[in-house]
Protein backbone atom coordinates (compact mmCIF):
# COMPACT_ATOMS: atom_id res chain seq x y z
CA MET A 1 114.06 -107.25 56.92
CA SER A 2 117.14 -106.01 57.75
CA GLY A 3 118.86 -106.87 54.21
CA CYS A 4 115.52 -105.74 52.51
CA ALA A 5 116.02 -102.23 54.14
CA ALA A 6 119.76 -102.17 53.30
CA THR A 7 118.93 -103.10 49.22
CA SER A 8 115.96 -100.82 49.45
CA VAL A 9 118.55 -97.90 50.47
CA ALA A 10 121.04 -98.75 48.14
CA THR A 11 119.03 -98.99 45.21
CA PHE A 12 117.07 -95.63 46.12
CA ALA A 13 120.85 -94.28 46.82
CA TYR A 14 121.93 -95.27 43.34
CA GLU A 15 118.82 -93.94 41.55
CA GLN A 16 119.41 -90.22 42.97
CA ALA A 17 122.95 -90.70 41.93
CA ASN A 18 122.24 -91.64 38.24
CA LYS A 19 119.03 -89.49 37.07
CA GLY A 20 117.25 -91.43 34.61
CA GLU A 21 118.45 -94.93 35.69
CA CYS A 22 115.62 -97.23 37.59
CA ILE A 23 116.29 -100.21 38.88
CA SER A 24 113.36 -100.99 41.50
CA ALA A 25 109.53 -101.03 40.21
CA GLY A 26 108.73 -98.07 42.19
CA CYS A 27 111.06 -95.87 39.98
CA ALA A 28 110.04 -97.39 37.26
CA ALA A 29 106.20 -96.11 37.70
CA ALA A 30 107.06 -92.99 38.95
CA ALA A 31 109.12 -92.59 35.37
CA VAL A 32 106.21 -94.30 33.13
CA LEU A 33 103.64 -91.24 35.09
CA SER A 34 106.43 -88.58 34.69
CA TYR A 35 106.51 -89.44 30.93
CA ALA A 36 102.85 -89.56 30.84
CA MET A 37 102.46 -86.22 32.56
CA ASP A 38 105.11 -84.73 30.23
CA LYS A 39 102.97 -85.93 27.12
CA VAL A 40 100.06 -84.51 28.42
CA THR A 41 101.61 -81.13 29.40
CA GLU A 42 103.69 -80.82 26.08
CA GLY A 43 103.75 -77.50 25.17
CA ASP A 44 102.75 -76.21 28.48
CA PRO A 45 105.51 -73.55 30.24
CA THR A 46 108.18 -75.50 32.16
CA PRO A 47 106.74 -75.83 35.63
CA CYS A 48 108.40 -73.45 38.15
CA HIS A 49 109.97 -76.45 39.96
CA LYS A 50 112.05 -77.36 37.25
CA LEU A 51 113.28 -74.12 36.22
CA ASN A 52 116.59 -73.26 37.92
CA SER A 53 117.00 -70.61 40.58
CA VAL A 54 117.70 -67.61 37.83
CA GLU A 55 115.07 -68.97 35.56
CA ARG A 56 112.49 -68.73 38.42
CA ALA A 57 113.58 -65.25 39.73
CA LEU A 58 113.08 -64.12 35.84
CA THR A 59 109.61 -65.85 35.56
CA ALA A 60 107.05 -63.65 36.55
CA ARG A 61 104.65 -66.60 36.95
CA CYS A 62 106.64 -68.24 39.44
CA GLY A 63 106.67 -65.45 42.09
CA VAL A 64 108.30 -62.80 43.55
CA TYR A 65 111.94 -63.04 43.48
CA GLN A 66 113.47 -63.56 47.30
CA PRO A 67 117.23 -62.31 47.90
CA GLY A 68 119.65 -65.18 48.89
CA THR A 69 117.67 -68.01 46.38
CA LEU A 70 120.07 -67.74 43.58
CA LEU A 71 122.63 -69.98 42.94
CA ALA A 72 126.28 -69.02 41.90
CA LYS A 73 126.50 -71.74 39.05
CA ASP A 74 123.09 -70.63 37.74
CA VAL A 75 124.23 -67.08 37.67
CA THR A 76 127.09 -67.82 35.44
CA THR A 77 125.27 -70.74 33.20
CA SER A 78 121.64 -69.74 33.45
CA GLY A 79 120.72 -71.49 30.08
CA LEU A 80 118.50 -68.69 29.22
CA PRO A 81 118.89 -67.53 25.55
CA ARG A 82 119.65 -63.64 27.46
CA CYS A 83 122.06 -62.93 29.35
CA PRO A 84 120.31 -62.85 32.78
CA LEU A 85 122.02 -59.31 34.04
CA SER A 86 120.72 -57.94 30.86
CA MET A 87 117.10 -58.89 31.49
CA ALA A 88 116.85 -57.91 35.05
CA THR A 89 118.27 -54.50 34.04
CA ARG A 90 115.82 -53.92 31.28
CA ASP A 91 112.69 -54.55 33.68
CA PRO A 92 112.70 -52.14 36.81
CA LYS A 93 110.51 -54.93 38.67
CA TYR A 94 113.74 -57.14 38.47
CA TRP A 95 116.04 -54.62 39.71
CA ALA A 96 116.10 -55.54 43.32
CA MET A 97 118.04 -58.98 41.70
CA LEU A 98 121.18 -57.19 40.69
CA PRO A 99 123.08 -56.76 43.69
CA GLU A 100 122.82 -60.47 44.12
CA LEU A 101 123.18 -61.38 40.48
CA LEU A 102 126.47 -59.24 40.60
CA SER A 103 127.89 -60.57 43.97
CA LYS A 104 127.59 -64.09 42.54
CA GLY A 105 129.35 -63.50 39.08
CA ALA A 106 127.05 -61.58 36.78
CA ALA A 107 129.25 -59.42 34.60
CA PRO A 108 127.68 -56.90 31.95
CA GLU A 109 130.85 -57.44 29.65
CA VAL A 110 129.86 -61.02 29.08
CA CYS A 111 126.22 -59.83 27.57
CA ASP A 112 125.73 -59.56 24.15
CA GLN A 113 123.69 -56.32 24.77
CA PRO A 114 125.19 -54.00 27.19
CA PRO A 115 122.61 -54.05 30.46
CA LEU A 116 122.02 -50.42 30.68
CA VAL A 117 121.68 -49.85 27.00
CA ALA A 118 119.03 -52.68 27.12
CA LEU A 119 117.46 -50.36 29.75
CA ALA A 120 117.67 -47.14 28.01
CA GLN A 121 116.06 -48.19 24.81
CA ALA A 122 113.24 -50.46 26.92
CA ASN A 123 112.38 -47.13 28.97
CA PRO A 124 114.23 -43.77 28.34
CA CYS A 125 113.69 -42.43 31.69
CA PRO A 126 112.60 -45.00 34.38
CA ASP A 127 111.40 -44.48 37.55
CA PHE A 128 114.68 -44.73 39.38
CA ALA A 129 113.23 -42.90 42.74
CA ALA A 130 111.61 -46.40 43.30
CA ALA A 131 114.39 -48.41 43.12
CA PRO A 132 116.31 -49.84 46.05
CA ALA A 133 119.24 -48.05 47.37
CA GLU A 134 121.25 -51.17 46.71
CA SER A 135 119.92 -51.82 43.19
CA LEU A 136 120.68 -47.97 42.46
CA LYS A 137 124.36 -48.77 43.63
CA SER A 138 124.21 -51.56 41.31
CA LEU A 139 123.24 -49.59 38.14
CA ARG A 140 125.62 -47.04 39.13
CA TRP A 141 128.49 -49.16 39.14
CA MET A 142 127.64 -51.00 35.67
CA ALA A 143 127.65 -47.43 34.31
CA GLU A 144 130.65 -46.90 35.82
CA ASN A 145 132.85 -49.79 35.27
CA ASP A 146 131.23 -51.46 31.85
CA THR A 147 132.90 -49.14 28.98
CA ARG A 148 130.11 -50.14 26.62
CA ALA A 149 127.79 -47.87 28.59
CA VAL A 150 129.14 -45.12 27.21
CA HIS A 151 126.49 -45.06 24.36
CA HIS A 152 123.95 -42.48 22.77
CA ASP A 153 120.86 -43.88 24.70
CA VAL A 154 122.37 -44.27 27.98
CA VAL A 155 123.58 -40.58 28.16
CA ARG A 156 120.21 -39.82 27.03
CA MET A 157 118.74 -41.70 30.05
CA LEU A 158 120.84 -40.82 32.74
CA SER A 159 120.76 -37.17 32.22
CA CYS A 160 116.88 -37.26 32.18
CA PRO A 161 114.84 -35.94 34.90
CA SER A 162 114.17 -39.05 36.91
CA ALA A 163 118.24 -39.87 36.86
CA ARG A 164 119.21 -36.31 37.83
CA ASN A 165 116.66 -36.56 40.92
CA VAL A 166 118.41 -39.33 42.05
CA GLY A 167 121.92 -38.40 41.05
CA LEU A 168 122.66 -41.19 38.44
CA ASN A 169 123.58 -37.77 36.03
CA THR A 170 127.03 -37.57 38.13
CA VAL A 171 127.98 -40.99 36.78
CA LEU A 172 128.26 -38.40 33.05
CA ASP A 173 130.29 -36.19 34.96
CA THR A 174 132.90 -39.23 35.97
CA TRP A 175 132.67 -39.98 32.16
CA LEU A 176 134.05 -36.52 31.22
CA ALA A 177 136.86 -36.39 34.12
CA GLN A 178 137.80 -40.07 33.07
CA GLY A 179 138.53 -39.26 29.40
CA GLN A 180 135.90 -41.57 28.65
CA LEU A 181 133.77 -38.94 26.54
CA PRO A 182 136.76 -37.44 24.09
CA SER A 183 135.65 -34.75 21.23
CA LYS A 184 136.76 -37.20 18.90
CA GLY A 185 136.77 -40.76 18.51
CA LEU A 186 132.72 -41.69 19.79
CA THR A 187 129.91 -43.35 17.45
CA PHE A 188 127.72 -40.04 18.74
CA GLY A 189 127.61 -36.47 19.67
CA PRO A 190 127.32 -36.30 23.62
CA LEU A 191 125.30 -33.15 23.06
CA SER A 192 122.76 -34.28 20.65
CA ALA A 193 122.59 -37.71 22.98
CA LEU A 194 122.01 -35.10 25.99
CA HIS A 195 118.31 -35.26 27.41
CA PRO A 196 116.65 -31.67 25.82
CA ASP A 197 116.48 -30.49 29.81
CA TYR A 198 119.93 -30.74 30.15
CA VAL A 199 121.84 -28.81 27.22
CA THR A 200 121.69 -25.77 28.93
CA SER A 201 123.26 -27.31 31.96
CA ALA A 202 126.80 -26.81 33.58
CA PHE A 203 127.67 -30.30 32.19
CA SER A 204 126.90 -29.42 28.39
CA ARG A 205 129.08 -26.54 29.00
CA SER A 206 131.90 -28.52 30.33
CA LEU A 207 131.37 -30.65 27.11
CA GLU A 208 131.75 -27.81 24.91
CA ALA A 209 134.72 -26.71 26.77
CA GLN A 210 136.60 -29.76 25.74
CA GLY A 211 135.66 -29.15 22.33
CA HIS A 212 132.36 -30.90 21.73
CA THR A 213 130.15 -29.02 19.14
CA ALA A 214 126.19 -29.48 18.73
CA ARG A 215 127.02 -29.94 14.85
CA THR A 216 129.05 -32.79 15.41
CA GLY A 217 125.76 -34.15 16.61
CA LEU A 218 123.79 -34.14 13.44
CA GLY A 219 125.06 -36.97 11.38
CA VAL A 220 124.88 -40.50 11.68
CA TYR A 221 125.23 -41.99 15.32
CA SER A 222 124.98 -45.33 16.85
CA GLY A 223 121.91 -45.50 18.92
CA GLN A 224 118.32 -46.09 18.80
CA LEU A 225 116.78 -43.30 20.57
CA PRO A 226 116.20 -39.89 18.56
CA THR A 227 118.37 -36.95 18.63
CA GLY A 228 118.12 -34.18 21.11
CA PHE A 229 116.99 -31.66 18.49
CA ASP A 230 114.35 -34.16 17.49
CA VAL A 231 112.87 -34.66 21.41
CA ALA A 232 113.03 -30.98 21.53
CA LEU A 233 111.32 -30.28 18.80
CA ARG A 234 108.58 -33.11 19.45
CA GLU A 235 107.95 -32.08 22.96
CA GLY A 236 108.18 -28.43 21.94
CA ASN A 237 110.67 -27.34 24.52
CA ARG A 238 111.79 -23.85 23.66
CA PRO A 239 114.80 -23.37 25.63
CA ALA A 240 116.28 -26.55 24.09
CA LEU A 241 115.29 -25.05 20.69
CA ASP A 242 116.66 -21.78 21.54
CA TRP A 243 120.14 -23.58 22.50
CA TRP A 244 120.34 -25.73 19.08
CA PHE A 245 118.98 -22.89 16.73
CA ALA A 246 121.91 -20.45 18.36
CA ARG A 247 124.73 -22.78 17.68
CA VAL A 248 123.58 -24.19 14.14
CA PRO A 249 121.31 -21.72 12.60
CA LYS A 250 120.67 -23.90 9.31
CA LEU A 251 118.86 -26.24 11.49
CA ILE A 252 115.38 -24.02 11.04
CA ASN A 253 114.65 -25.00 7.50
CA GLN A 254 117.07 -28.62 7.50
CA VAL A 255 117.78 -31.31 9.56
CA PRO A 256 120.77 -33.77 8.39
CA SER A 257 120.01 -37.09 8.15
CA GLN A 258 120.50 -39.68 11.02
CA GLN A 259 120.70 -42.75 9.47
CA ALA A 260 122.29 -44.00 6.26
CA ASN A 261 118.94 -44.75 4.70
CA GLN A 262 117.08 -41.39 5.81
CA LEU A 263 116.88 -38.21 3.75
CA PRO A 264 117.30 -34.88 5.25
CA TRP A 265 113.64 -33.52 7.29
CA ILE A 266 111.69 -29.93 7.71
CA PRO A 267 111.16 -28.91 11.36
CA LEU A 268 108.13 -27.44 9.99
CA VAL A 269 106.93 -30.50 8.14
CA ARG A 270 107.30 -32.79 11.17
CA VAL A 271 105.71 -30.07 13.46
CA LEU A 272 102.93 -30.29 10.88
CA THR A 273 102.62 -34.09 10.62
CA PRO A 274 99.38 -35.06 12.66
CA THR A 275 101.03 -37.77 15.35
CA TYR A 276 104.32 -35.93 15.61
CA LEU A 277 103.90 -33.50 18.40
CA ALA A 278 103.68 -34.52 21.95
CA HIS A 279 101.00 -32.33 22.43
CA PRO A 280 99.11 -31.74 19.38
CA GLU A 281 97.27 -28.86 20.95
CA GLN A 282 100.40 -26.57 20.31
CA GLN A 283 100.77 -26.80 16.88
CA GLU A 284 99.95 -23.49 15.71
CA ALA A 285 102.01 -21.83 18.51
CA MET A 286 104.98 -24.25 17.50
CA VAL A 287 104.51 -23.08 14.12
CA ALA A 288 104.34 -19.55 14.94
CA TYR A 289 107.55 -19.83 16.78
CA LEU A 290 109.56 -21.87 13.90
CA LEU A 291 108.14 -18.81 11.70
CA SER A 292 109.46 -16.24 14.00
CA ARG A 293 112.82 -17.86 14.26
CA GLY A 294 113.18 -17.65 10.21
CA ALA A 295 111.60 -20.68 9.26
CA ASP A 296 110.52 -20.87 5.17
CA PRO A 297 106.98 -21.88 4.55
CA TRP A 298 107.93 -22.06 0.81
CA LYS A 299 110.94 -24.70 1.09
CA SER A 300 110.79 -27.70 -0.97
CA LEU A 301 110.23 -31.19 0.59
CA PRO A 302 113.52 -33.12 0.17
CA HIS A 303 111.67 -36.28 -1.05
CA ASP A 304 109.54 -34.45 -3.24
CA PRO A 305 110.92 -31.28 -4.73
CA GLY A 306 108.06 -30.52 -6.07
CA LYS A 307 106.10 -29.94 -3.49
CA THR A 308 106.58 -27.12 -0.58
CA VAL A 309 105.99 -26.79 3.04
CA ILE A 310 102.32 -25.17 2.59
CA SER A 311 101.69 -27.65 -0.07
CA PHE A 312 101.90 -30.40 2.81
CA ALA A 313 99.79 -28.64 4.92
CA GLU A 314 97.17 -28.64 2.68
CA GLN A 315 97.25 -31.72 2.13
CA VAL A 316 97.48 -33.10 5.46
CA LYS A 317 94.47 -30.00 5.88
CA SER A 318 96.38 -28.58 8.79
CA PRO A 319 94.82 -25.98 10.94
CA SER A 320 98.18 -23.94 10.65
CA LEU A 321 97.33 -23.44 7.02
CA ALA A 322 96.81 -19.90 7.19
CA LEU A 323 99.37 -19.04 9.83
CA LEU A 324 102.00 -20.46 7.30
CA GLN A 325 100.26 -18.62 4.28
CA ALA A 326 100.69 -15.01 5.83
CA PRO A 327 103.76 -15.43 8.18
CA VAL A 328 104.62 -12.43 10.01
CA GLN A 329 107.13 -10.40 7.62
CA PRO A 330 109.31 -7.44 8.50
CA GLN A 331 107.23 -3.90 7.42
CA VAL A 332 109.66 -1.30 5.73
CA GLN A 333 108.13 2.35 5.89
CA MET A 334 109.96 5.25 4.32
CA ALA A 335 109.48 8.43 6.44
CA VAL A 336 111.19 12.01 5.86
CA LYS A 337 112.10 13.80 9.33
CA PRO A 338 110.90 17.65 8.85
CA GLN A 339 114.00 19.72 8.71
CA THR A 340 114.37 23.63 9.36
CA PRO A 341 114.68 25.14 5.86
CA VAL A 342 118.09 25.67 4.52
CA ALA A 343 118.72 27.33 1.56
CA GLY A 344 120.26 25.94 -1.85
CA LYS A 345 122.09 22.88 -2.16
CA ALA A 346 122.64 22.38 1.69
CA ALA A 347 118.85 22.09 1.91
CA THR A 348 119.07 19.59 -0.91
CA ALA A 349 121.64 17.50 0.90
CA MET A 350 119.98 17.61 4.58
CA GLY A 351 116.48 16.55 3.29
CA ALA A 352 118.53 13.60 1.46
CA ALA A 353 120.14 12.73 4.42
CA ALA A 354 116.78 12.72 6.35
CA VAL A 355 115.44 9.78 4.69
CA VAL A 356 115.51 7.00 7.05
CA ALA A 357 113.97 3.10 7.28
CA THR A 358 111.90 2.55 10.15
CA PRO A 359 110.36 -0.97 11.36
């Protein structure tokens, strides 16, 4: 019996050390059964027990991530098609993993897509207040240590209301103080990247003091999120629009193209487009606002010079058509102030001087 037991132990040890090699009948039977099961379940998702620790934590069907379960070797060689750190950063439900990923060797610079860029493009203003404190520290650490995070879409996210509520907007102040937002050399305009609510902030004024201008953010830029002016118009954010018009008055009638394959566009036309405004019920109020700022309803369309803003409004049957056809125009009336009779040429001169224009 002792010799049989010793042989069994040695056989088991060999099979464990050399996965896939069977020298016992029991192992061979198990291998045949496993092969049969694999054929039956071919095409089904990989069972959770066959995933490594990082794959399992990033697979929703495998349960909720438990801290301390990630193996360092899986963090650096996960076998996933995408960088685990970008995947976990992109989806708030995996933010609890960020501290452990970073502590066990995950590095944002090895990801094809910067983790914070992935997050900003998936959700321009996540609910940061719902994140654990340690996860917020991890997000801040990536913002301050990954140079590729200095990006148009990340600036939008870090300046949005949710980020400001938890103090993540101060990362932008750090970037500016450290020279990471120079007035020349960036692939985007920081002022245009700001959330519309933030263009009137002290940070915005600091950008202008260091040479940034609203105009530099109106051309082609690197990013997927729309420009700050576009967002302000879409949301009907009048303080932000006033800020833009004060610095670039020509925007009222034409906005330069922001992508190489686009034509310039007209704010009135965007507002008249039924699906454009975030609050469609505000269309007439926005049309009236733009007209009051000098928008021209007879301007030709960049993509079809034979048509005007008004003909576009007719085409889409806009409820604001009547407002466009009868815009408010300044009225000029001539009036003569009564004068005390004066004899001769003096009377004639004074009468002529009394003719004034009144609105």
